[in-house]
Amino acid sequence: MKINAQITILASYDDSISMKVYDKTSGTTFLDMTLTREQFINATMNRLGNTDVESAHVCNLDKIGKTMEMQTLEFEMPEGSEYHDKETAMEIAKEKCPDGWTPDLGFSSQNSFFTKVKMKSNSRYARTTIRRWV
């Protein structure tokens, strides 16, 4: 499968090199590797193939090449909960999120919690982004 990818290579002061591969279509990083300085030099400058790496982490392979869609999920917060109750908002977001979608559970945006006038009273709501890959 051919993908539209980007790579990030960062060196740190502890003599390690971090490499990340990002799929632009799905908007996800799927490979995160760490190399020692010696491993990086062997692979790039000495042209040594199949060089060992310090660590490698692969994730989100099911999303590669798919297009990410986003929508907003808004829901009413229960009576008696604190205004910025992130824990309750996370649980409700997981419950109300449609099948096949994944909710963002940060609730740290300025727009995450808001008040709506509903039948002459103020009701508290929360909002988050939900995503799916098709």
Protein backbone atom coordinates (compact mmCIF):
# COMPACT_ATOMS: atom_id res chain seq x y z
CA MET A 1 0.00 0.00 0.00
CA LYS A 2 1.34 3.41 -0.94
CA ILE A 3 0.72 6.15 1.64
CA ASN A 4 1.26 9.89 1.96
CA ALA A 5 3.82 9.94 4.80
CA GLN A 6 6.02 12.38 6.70
CA ILE A 7 9.01 11.66 8.93
CA THR A 8 10.35 13.55 11.93
CA ILE A 9 13.92 12.98 13.13
CA LEU A 10 14.94 14.66 16.38
CA ALA A 11 18.23 14.46 18.27
CA SER A 12 18.34 14.96 22.03
CA TYR A 13 21.12 15.86 24.42
CA ASP A 14 21.18 12.34 25.88
CA ASP A 15 22.67 10.97 22.62
CA SER A 16 19.43 9.44 21.38
CA ILE A 17 17.71 10.01 18.06
CA SER A 18 13.90 9.86 17.85
CA MET A 19 12.24 9.02 14.54
CA LYS A 20 8.47 9.19 13.95
CA VAL A 21 6.55 8.27 10.81
CA TYR A 22 3.22 10.03 10.26
CA ASP A 23 0.45 9.16 7.78
CA LYS A 24 -1.00 12.44 6.47
CA THR A 25 -4.23 10.86 5.21
CA SER A 26 -5.27 9.37 8.54
CA GLY A 27 -3.61 12.08 10.62
CA THR A 28 -1.82 9.54 12.84
CA THR A 29 1.71 8.60 13.81
CA PHE A 30 2.16 4.86 13.39
CA LEU A 31 5.89 4.29 14.01
CA ASP A 32 7.98 5.74 16.84
CA MET A 33 11.61 4.61 17.08
CA THR A 34 14.55 5.55 19.26
CA LEU A 35 18.13 4.98 18.15
CA THR A 36 21.42 5.58 19.90
CA ARG A 37 23.81 7.98 18.19
CA GLU A 38 25.95 5.02 17.09
CA GLN A 39 22.96 3.20 15.57
CA PHE A 40 21.89 6.33 13.68
CA ILE A 41 25.40 6.91 12.31
CA ASN A 42 25.69 3.26 11.26
CA ALA A 43 22.35 3.41 9.45
CA THR A 44 22.84 6.76 7.72
CA MET A 45 26.54 7.61 7.37
CA ASN A 46 28.00 4.10 7.22
CA ARG A 47 25.08 2.85 5.08
CA LEU A 48 24.65 -0.23 7.24
CA GLY A 49 21.35 -1.94 6.39
CA ASN A 50 19.13 -3.66 8.99
CA THR A 51 20.68 -1.69 11.84
CA ASP A 52 19.29 -2.54 15.27
CA VAL A 53 17.32 0.20 17.06
CA GLU A 54 17.09 0.97 20.76
CA SER A 55 13.27 0.75 20.79
CA ALA A 56 10.38 0.73 18.33
CA HIS A 57 6.66 1.22 18.91
CA VAL A 58 4.06 0.57 16.21
CA CYS A 59 0.42 1.65 16.62
CA ASN A 60 -2.68 2.69 14.67
CA LEU A 61 -1.93 0.33 11.77
CA ASP A 62 -5.67 -0.13 11.20
CA LYS A 63 -5.96 3.62 10.39
CA ILE A 64 -3.14 3.92 7.85
CA GLY A 65 -4.34 5.11 4.46
CA LYS A 66 -7.85 5.88 5.71
CA THR A 67 -9.33 9.36 5.83
CA MET A 68 -10.07 10.86 9.24
CA GLU A 69 -13.53 12.37 9.71
CA MET A 70 -14.37 14.62 12.66
CA GLN A 71 -17.63 15.78 14.22
CA THR A 72 -18.65 17.54 17.40
CA LEU A 73 -20.44 15.67 20.18
CA GLU A 74 -22.42 17.81 22.65
CA PHE A 75 -24.24 16.44 25.69
CA GLU A 76 -25.93 17.72 28.82
CA MET A 77 -24.07 17.35 32.10
CA PRO A 78 -26.04 15.80 34.98
CA GLU A 79 -27.54 17.91 37.76
CA GLY A 80 -25.24 18.25 40.76
CA SER A 81 -21.97 17.72 38.89
CA GLU A 82 -19.26 20.37 39.10
CA TYR A 83 -19.09 22.86 36.24
CA HIS A 84 -15.81 21.56 34.74
CA ASP A 85 -16.20 17.92 35.86
CA LYS A 86 -13.85 16.22 33.39
CA GLU A 87 -14.26 12.73 34.87
CA THR A 88 -18.04 12.76 34.45
CA ALA A 89 -17.72 14.28 30.97
CA MET A 90 -15.31 11.49 29.94
CA GLU A 91 -17.74 8.77 31.06
CA ILE A 92 -20.73 10.38 29.32
CA ALA A 93 -18.72 10.95 26.11
CA LYS A 94 -17.79 7.24 26.01
CA GLU A 95 -21.47 6.31 26.53
CA LYS A 96 -22.93 8.71 23.96
CA CYS A 97 -20.28 8.32 21.27
CA PRO A 98 -21.76 6.55 18.20
CA ASP A 99 -20.37 3.14 17.23
CA GLY A 100 -17.26 3.37 15.06
CA TRP A 101 -16.28 6.79 16.44
CA THR A 102 -13.63 7.63 19.05
CA PRO A 103 -14.14 10.60 21.42
CA ASP A 104 -11.38 12.97 22.46
CA LEU A 105 -11.32 12.80 26.25
CA GLY A 106 -9.17 15.81 27.16
CA PHE A 107 -11.91 18.36 27.93
CA SER A 108 -9.23 21.03 28.41
CA SER A 109 -10.35 23.41 25.67
CA GLN A 110 -11.97 26.72 26.52
CA ASN A 111 -15.04 25.48 24.61
CA SER A 112 -15.33 22.10 26.36
CA PHE A 113 -17.95 23.25 28.89
CA PHE A 114 -20.73 25.76 28.26
CA THR A 115 -24.20 26.81 29.41
CA LYS A 116 -27.39 26.85 27.32
CA VAL A 117 -30.65 28.51 28.22
CA LYS A 118 -33.24 25.76 28.17
CA MET A 119 -36.84 26.49 29.12
CA LYS A 120 -35.94 29.59 31.15
CA SER A 121 -33.17 27.83 33.08
CA ASN A 122 -29.48 27.38 32.47
CA SER A 123 -28.36 23.86 31.59
CA ARG A 124 -24.72 22.86 31.63
CA TYR A 125 -23.27 21.04 28.61
CA ALA A 126 -19.97 19.56 27.52
CA ARG A 127 -18.56 19.29 24.02
CA THR A 128 -15.80 17.22 22.47
CA THR A 129 -14.55 16.12 19.08
CA ILE A 130 -15.24 12.61 17.87
CA ARG A 131 -13.26 10.92 15.09
CA ARG A 132 -13.50 7.95 12.79
CA TRP A 133 -11.39 6.63 9.96
CA VAL A 134 -13.01 5.53 6.67
